[in-house]
Amino acid sequence: MNDPQGWTQGGESLMHQRCGACGLVWYFHRSFCPGCGCADPTQAASQGRGTVYASTLVHRAPNDEFRALVPYRLVLVDLDEGFRAMGHGQADLAIGDRVQCRITSIAGRPLPRFHKDPE
């Protein structure tokens, strides 16, 4: 079976890692556990479901590509697998909402976008 790719490598998933020694879960790829230093953590694709932890409405674009999108919402989401990720979100998302992630093209780039979870 092929390993799934994360959205930063052109895949459709949020990837996360887990330490087999201490159980810590994290989002950014590392070759070792940031908690205990154990080498060779496992990597898995997230189901993309979680709860909005924080939300902000961006009114000032970081560059010309995003200028046409303002205002847009950014959210921090606590994913069910135990890690927190940031992404774009539907305009009406609020703290505590259950969401589902989809990798979508935003300003010509693949980026995580969170939508209200229908389940």
N, C-alpha and C. Protein backbone atom coordinates (compact mmCIF):
# COMPACT_ATOMS: atom_id res chain seq x y z
N MET A 1 0.84 -1.18 0.00
CA MET A 1 0.00 0.00 0.00
C MET A 1 0.89 1.24 0.00
N ASN A 2 0.54 2.24 -0.77
CA ASN A 2 1.31 3.48 -0.83
C ASN A 2 1.03 4.34 0.40
N ASP A 3 2.06 5.01 0.87
CA ASP A 3 1.88 5.93 1.97
C ASP A 3 1.15 7.16 1.46
N PRO A 4 0.15 7.67 2.18
CA PRO A 4 -0.52 8.90 1.74
C PRO A 4 0.43 10.08 1.84
N GLN A 5 0.20 11.05 0.98
CA GLN A 5 1.01 12.26 1.01
C GLN A 5 0.22 13.39 1.65
N GLY A 6 0.94 14.22 2.36
CA GLY A 6 0.33 15.41 2.94
C GLY A 6 0.12 16.49 1.90
N TRP A 7 -0.66 17.47 2.24
CA TRP A 7 -1.00 18.53 1.29
C TRP A 7 0.23 19.32 0.85
N THR A 8 1.28 19.38 1.65
CA THR A 8 2.48 20.12 1.26
C THR A 8 3.27 19.42 0.16
N GLN A 9 2.99 18.12 -0.06
CA GLN A 9 3.63 17.36 -1.13
C GLN A 9 2.65 17.06 -2.26
N GLY A 10 1.53 17.78 -2.31
CA GLY A 10 0.55 17.59 -3.37
C GLY A 10 -0.53 16.59 -3.07
N GLY A 11 -0.54 16.05 -1.85
CA GLY A 11 -1.58 15.09 -1.47
C GLY A 11 -2.84 15.77 -0.97
N GLU A 12 -3.75 14.97 -0.48
CA GLU A 12 -5.05 15.47 -0.02
C GLU A 12 -5.24 15.33 1.48
N SER A 13 -4.18 15.15 2.24
CA SER A 13 -4.31 14.86 3.66
C SER A 13 -3.52 15.81 4.55
N LEU A 14 -4.01 15.94 5.78
CA LEU A 14 -3.21 16.53 6.85
C LEU A 14 -2.47 15.36 7.48
N MET A 15 -1.15 15.39 7.44
CA MET A 15 -0.36 14.31 8.01
C MET A 15 0.07 14.69 9.42
N HIS A 16 0.17 13.68 10.27
CA HIS A 16 0.66 13.90 11.63
C HIS A 16 1.56 12.74 12.01
N GLN A 17 2.30 12.93 13.10
CA GLN A 17 3.21 11.89 13.58
C GLN A 17 2.88 11.55 15.02
N ARG A 18 3.24 10.32 15.39
CA ARG A 18 3.01 9.83 16.75
C ARG A 18 4.25 9.08 17.21
N CYS A 19 4.62 9.31 18.46
CA CYS A 19 5.77 8.62 19.05
C CYS A 19 5.32 7.29 19.65
N GLY A 20 6.00 6.22 19.26
CA GLY A 20 5.68 4.91 19.80
C GLY A 20 6.13 4.74 21.24
N ALA A 21 7.08 5.55 21.68
CA ALA A 21 7.60 5.42 23.05
C ALA A 21 6.74 6.17 24.07
N CYS A 22 6.41 7.43 23.78
CA CYS A 22 5.69 8.24 24.79
C CYS A 22 4.26 8.59 24.38
N GLY A 23 3.89 8.33 23.11
CA GLY A 23 2.52 8.57 22.67
C GLY A 23 2.21 9.99 22.21
N LEU A 24 3.20 10.88 22.23
CA LEU A 24 2.98 12.26 21.81
C LEU A 24 2.58 12.31 20.34
N VAL A 25 1.67 13.23 20.01
CA VAL A 25 1.21 13.44 18.63
C VAL A 25 1.54 14.86 18.24
N TRP A 26 2.04 15.06 17.00
CA TRP A 26 2.35 16.42 16.54
C TRP A 26 2.13 16.52 15.05
N TYR A 27 2.09 17.77 14.56
CA TYR A 27 1.73 18.07 13.18
C TYR A 27 2.95 18.24 12.26
N PHE A 28 3.92 19.05 12.65
CA PHE A 28 5.06 19.33 11.78
C PHE A 28 6.03 18.16 11.75
N HIS A 29 6.42 17.75 10.54
CA HIS A 29 7.27 16.57 10.35
C HIS A 29 8.63 16.73 11.04
N ARG A 30 9.00 15.69 11.77
CA ARG A 30 10.31 15.63 12.42
C ARG A 30 10.82 14.19 12.33
N SER A 31 12.11 14.02 12.43
CA SER A 31 12.69 12.68 12.41
C SER A 31 12.81 12.09 13.81
N PHE A 32 12.36 12.83 14.81
CA PHE A 32 12.43 12.38 16.20
C PHE A 32 11.26 12.99 16.97
N CYS A 33 10.96 12.40 18.11
CA CYS A 33 9.88 12.91 18.96
C CYS A 33 10.32 14.19 19.68
N PRO A 34 9.56 15.28 19.57
CA PRO A 34 9.95 16.50 20.27
C PRO A 34 9.74 16.41 21.78
N GLY A 35 9.07 15.36 22.24
CA GLY A 35 8.85 15.19 23.68
C GLY A 35 9.93 14.40 24.36
N CYS A 36 10.26 13.23 23.79
CA CYS A 36 11.22 12.35 24.46
C CYS A 36 12.49 12.09 23.65
N GLY A 37 12.51 12.52 22.38
CA GLY A 37 13.70 12.35 21.55
C GLY A 37 13.80 11.02 20.83
N CYS A 38 12.82 10.15 21.01
CA CYS A 38 12.84 8.84 20.36
C CYS A 38 12.86 9.02 18.84
N ALA A 39 13.66 8.22 18.15
CA ALA A 39 13.76 8.30 16.69
C ALA A 39 12.66 7.48 16.03
N ASP A 40 12.44 7.77 14.76
CA ASP A 40 11.52 7.02 13.91
C ASP A 40 10.06 7.02 14.36
N PRO A 41 9.46 8.19 14.46
CA PRO A 41 8.03 8.22 14.78
C PRO A 41 7.20 7.71 13.60
N THR A 42 5.99 7.27 13.88
CA THR A 42 5.10 6.83 12.80
C THR A 42 4.37 8.04 12.23
N GLN A 43 3.99 7.91 10.96
CA GLN A 43 3.27 8.99 10.28
C GLN A 43 1.94 8.45 9.78
N ALA A 44 0.89 9.27 9.87
CA ALA A 44 -0.44 8.84 9.41
C ALA A 44 -1.21 10.03 8.88
N ALA A 45 -2.19 9.72 8.04
CA ALA A 45 -3.09 10.76 7.52
C ALA A 45 -4.22 10.97 8.52
N SER A 46 -4.53 12.22 8.78
CA SER A 46 -5.63 12.57 9.65
C SER A 46 -6.95 12.36 8.92
N GLN A 47 -8.00 12.07 9.66
CA GLN A 47 -9.35 12.01 9.09
C GLN A 47 -9.86 13.43 8.82
N GLY A 48 -9.18 14.44 9.39
CA GLY A 48 -9.52 15.83 9.13
C GLY A 48 -10.67 16.39 9.94
N ARG A 49 -11.15 15.64 10.91
CA ARG A 49 -12.26 16.12 11.74
C ARG A 49 -11.73 16.66 13.05
N GLY A 50 -12.34 17.77 13.50
CA GLY A 50 -11.91 18.35 14.76
C GLY A 50 -12.85 19.45 15.20
N THR A 51 -12.37 20.22 16.18
CA THR A 51 -13.15 21.29 16.80
C THR A 51 -12.36 22.59 16.71
N VAL A 52 -13.04 23.67 16.30
CA VAL A 52 -12.39 24.97 16.20
C VAL A 52 -11.97 25.43 17.59
N TYR A 53 -10.68 25.69 17.74
CA TYR A 53 -10.09 26.16 19.00
C TYR A 53 -10.02 27.69 19.03
N ALA A 54 -9.67 28.30 17.90
CA ALA A 54 -9.55 29.76 17.79
C ALA A 54 -9.89 30.17 16.37
N SER A 55 -10.33 31.41 16.22
CA SER A 55 -10.75 31.90 14.92
C SER A 55 -10.46 33.39 14.81
N THR A 56 -10.04 33.82 13.62
CA THR A 56 -9.81 35.25 13.40
C THR A 56 -10.19 35.60 11.97
N LEU A 57 -10.63 36.81 11.79
CA LEU A 57 -10.97 37.29 10.45
C LEU A 57 -9.83 38.20 9.99
N VAL A 58 -9.21 37.84 8.87
CA VAL A 58 -8.06 38.57 8.34
C VAL A 58 -8.56 39.65 7.39
N HIS A 59 -8.17 40.90 7.65
CA HIS A 59 -8.58 42.03 6.83
C HIS A 59 -7.44 42.58 5.99
N ARG A 60 -6.22 42.15 6.27
CA ARG A 60 -5.05 42.66 5.55
C ARG A 60 -4.30 41.49 4.94
N ALA A 61 -4.26 41.46 3.63
CA ALA A 61 -3.64 40.34 2.92
C ALA A 61 -2.12 40.37 3.07
N PRO A 62 -1.50 39.18 3.16
CA PRO A 62 -0.04 39.13 3.26
C PRO A 62 0.65 39.41 1.93
N ASN A 63 -0.08 39.27 0.81
CA ASN A 63 0.50 39.51 -0.51
C ASN A 63 -0.62 39.75 -1.52
N ASP A 64 -0.26 40.06 -2.74
CA ASP A 64 -1.24 40.37 -3.78
C ASP A 64 -2.18 39.21 -4.08
N GLU A 65 -1.68 37.97 -4.00
CA GLU A 65 -2.52 36.81 -4.31
C GLU A 65 -3.71 36.69 -3.37
N PHE A 66 -3.55 37.10 -2.12
CA PHE A 66 -4.61 36.97 -1.13
C PHE A 66 -5.46 38.24 -1.02
N ARG A 67 -5.03 39.31 -1.64
CA ARG A 67 -5.75 40.59 -1.53
C ARG A 67 -7.21 40.47 -1.98
N ALA A 68 -7.47 39.70 -3.04
CA ALA A 68 -8.83 39.53 -3.55
C ALA A 68 -9.71 38.71 -2.60
N LEU A 69 -9.10 38.02 -1.65
CA LEU A 69 -9.86 37.16 -0.74
C LEU A 69 -10.29 37.85 0.55
N VAL A 70 -9.67 38.97 0.89
CA VAL A 70 -9.98 39.61 2.17
C VAL A 70 -11.40 40.16 2.17
N PRO A 71 -12.10 40.09 3.29
CA PRO A 71 -11.65 39.41 4.52
C PRO A 71 -11.83 37.89 4.39
N TYR A 72 -10.93 37.14 5.04
CA TYR A 72 -11.04 35.69 5.07
C TYR A 72 -10.75 35.20 6.49
N ARG A 73 -11.29 34.02 6.81
CA ARG A 73 -11.17 33.47 8.16
C ARG A 73 -10.03 32.47 8.23
N LEU A 74 -9.23 32.58 9.29
CA LEU A 74 -8.23 31.58 9.65
C LEU A 74 -8.66 30.94 10.96
N VAL A 75 -8.47 29.64 11.09
CA VAL A 75 -8.86 28.94 12.29
C VAL A 75 -7.74 28.02 12.77
N LEU A 76 -7.69 27.83 14.07
CA LEU A 76 -6.87 26.78 14.69
C LEU A 76 -7.85 25.69 15.07
N VAL A 77 -7.53 24.45 14.70
CA VAL A 77 -8.45 23.34 14.93
C VAL A 77 -7.74 22.25 15.72
N ASP A 78 -8.39 21.79 16.77
CA ASP A 78 -7.91 20.63 17.51
C ASP A 78 -8.47 19.40 16.81
N LEU A 79 -7.59 18.67 16.09
CA LEU A 79 -8.01 17.49 15.36
C LEU A 79 -8.24 16.33 16.31
N ASP A 80 -9.14 15.44 15.93
CA ASP A 80 -9.51 14.31 16.78
C ASP A 80 -8.33 13.40 17.10
N GLU A 81 -7.31 13.39 16.24
CA GLU A 81 -6.14 12.54 16.48
C GLU A 81 -5.21 13.09 17.57
N GLY A 82 -5.45 14.33 18.02
CA GLY A 82 -4.67 14.86 19.14
C GLY A 82 -3.66 15.93 18.78
N PHE A 83 -3.75 16.55 17.62
CA PHE A 83 -2.84 17.64 17.28
C PHE A 83 -3.65 18.85 16.83
N ARG A 84 -3.02 20.00 16.80
CA ARG A 84 -3.67 21.26 16.40
C ARG A 84 -3.07 21.73 15.09
N ALA A 85 -3.93 22.17 14.16
CA ALA A 85 -3.49 22.66 12.86
C ALA A 85 -4.21 23.96 12.53
N MET A 86 -3.58 24.76 11.68
CA MET A 86 -4.17 26.01 11.23
C MET A 86 -4.58 25.87 9.77
N GLY A 87 -5.66 26.55 9.41
CA GLY A 87 -6.09 26.55 8.02
C GLY A 87 -7.12 27.64 7.79
N HIS A 88 -7.53 27.77 6.56
CA HIS A 88 -8.61 28.69 6.22
C HIS A 88 -9.91 28.05 6.65
N GLY A 89 -10.94 28.88 6.85
CA GLY A 89 -12.22 28.34 7.26
C GLY A 89 -13.38 29.09 6.64
N GLN A 90 -14.54 28.46 6.68
CA GLN A 90 -15.76 29.12 6.23
C GLN A 90 -15.95 30.39 7.05
N ALA A 91 -16.55 31.39 6.44
CA ALA A 91 -16.72 32.69 7.08
C ALA A 91 -17.51 32.62 8.38
N ASP A 92 -18.45 31.68 8.51
CA ASP A 92 -19.32 31.63 9.68
C ASP A 92 -18.84 30.68 10.78
N LEU A 93 -17.62 30.16 10.69
CA LEU A 93 -17.12 29.26 11.73
C LEU A 93 -16.89 30.02 13.03
N ALA A 94 -17.16 29.33 14.14
CA ALA A 94 -16.97 29.91 15.46
C ALA A 94 -16.26 28.90 16.36
N ILE A 95 -15.69 29.38 17.43
CA ILE A 95 -15.03 28.51 18.41
C ILE A 95 -16.03 27.47 18.89
N GLY A 96 -15.58 26.22 18.92
CA GLY A 96 -16.43 25.11 19.36
C GLY A 96 -17.13 24.37 18.24
N ASP A 97 -17.15 24.92 17.03
CA ASP A 97 -17.79 24.23 15.90
C ASP A 97 -17.01 22.98 15.53
N ARG A 98 -17.73 21.93 15.17
CA ARG A 98 -17.12 20.73 14.63
C ARG A 98 -16.89 20.95 13.14
N VAL A 99 -15.69 20.60 12.67
CA VAL A 99 -15.31 20.87 11.29
C VAL A 99 -14.67 19.65 10.64
N GLN A 100 -14.61 19.72 9.31
CA GLN A 100 -13.95 18.72 8.48
C GLN A 100 -13.00 19.46 7.54
N CYS A 101 -11.79 18.96 7.38
CA CYS A 101 -10.79 19.59 6.51
C CYS A 101 -10.85 19.01 5.11
N ARG A 102 -10.72 19.91 4.14
CA ARG A 102 -10.54 19.54 2.74
C ARG A 102 -9.37 20.36 2.22
N ILE A 103 -8.53 19.76 1.43
CA ILE A 103 -7.44 20.49 0.81
C ILE A 103 -8.01 21.13 -0.45
N THR A 104 -7.95 22.46 -0.51
CA THR A 104 -8.51 23.18 -1.65
C THR A 104 -7.48 24.17 -2.18
N SER A 105 -7.70 24.63 -3.39
CA SER A 105 -6.81 25.62 -3.97
C SER A 105 -7.29 27.01 -3.55
N ILE A 106 -6.41 27.71 -2.84
CA ILE A 106 -6.70 29.07 -2.38
C ILE A 106 -5.58 29.95 -2.91
N ALA A 107 -5.94 30.97 -3.68
CA ALA A 107 -4.96 31.86 -4.31
C ALA A 107 -3.93 31.06 -5.11
N GLY A 108 -4.40 29.99 -5.76
CA GLY A 108 -3.53 29.17 -6.61
C GLY A 108 -2.63 28.21 -5.87
N ARG A 109 -2.87 28.01 -4.57
CA ARG A 109 -2.04 27.10 -3.76
C ARG A 109 -2.92 26.09 -3.04
N PRO A 110 -2.45 24.84 -2.91
CA PRO A 110 -3.23 23.89 -2.11
C PRO A 110 -3.06 24.25 -0.63
N LEU A 111 -4.18 24.43 0.06
CA LEU A 111 -4.15 24.78 1.48
C LEU A 111 -5.30 24.09 2.21
N PRO A 112 -5.12 23.79 3.51
CA PRO A 112 -6.21 23.22 4.29
C PRO A 112 -7.34 24.25 4.45
N ARG A 113 -8.59 23.79 4.25
CA ARG A 113 -9.76 24.64 4.46
C ARG A 113 -10.76 23.83 5.27
N PHE A 114 -11.23 24.43 6.35
CA PHE A 114 -12.15 23.76 7.24
C PHE A 114 -13.59 24.21 6.98
N HIS A 115 -14.49 23.22 6.94
CA HIS A 115 -15.90 23.44 6.70
C HIS A 115 -16.66 22.82 7.87
N LYS A 116 -17.87 23.30 8.15
CA LYS A 116 -18.68 22.69 9.19
C LYS A 116 -18.89 21.23 8.85
N ASP A 117 -18.72 20.40 9.87
CA ASP A 117 -18.86 18.96 9.70
C ASP A 117 -20.35 18.60 9.75
N PRO A 118 -20.88 18.00 8.68
CA PRO A 118 -22.30 17.68 8.66
C PRO A 118 -22.71 16.57 9.61
N GLU A 119 -21.76 15.79 10.11
CA GLU A 119 -22.09 14.67 11.01
C GLU A 119 -22.26 15.11 12.42
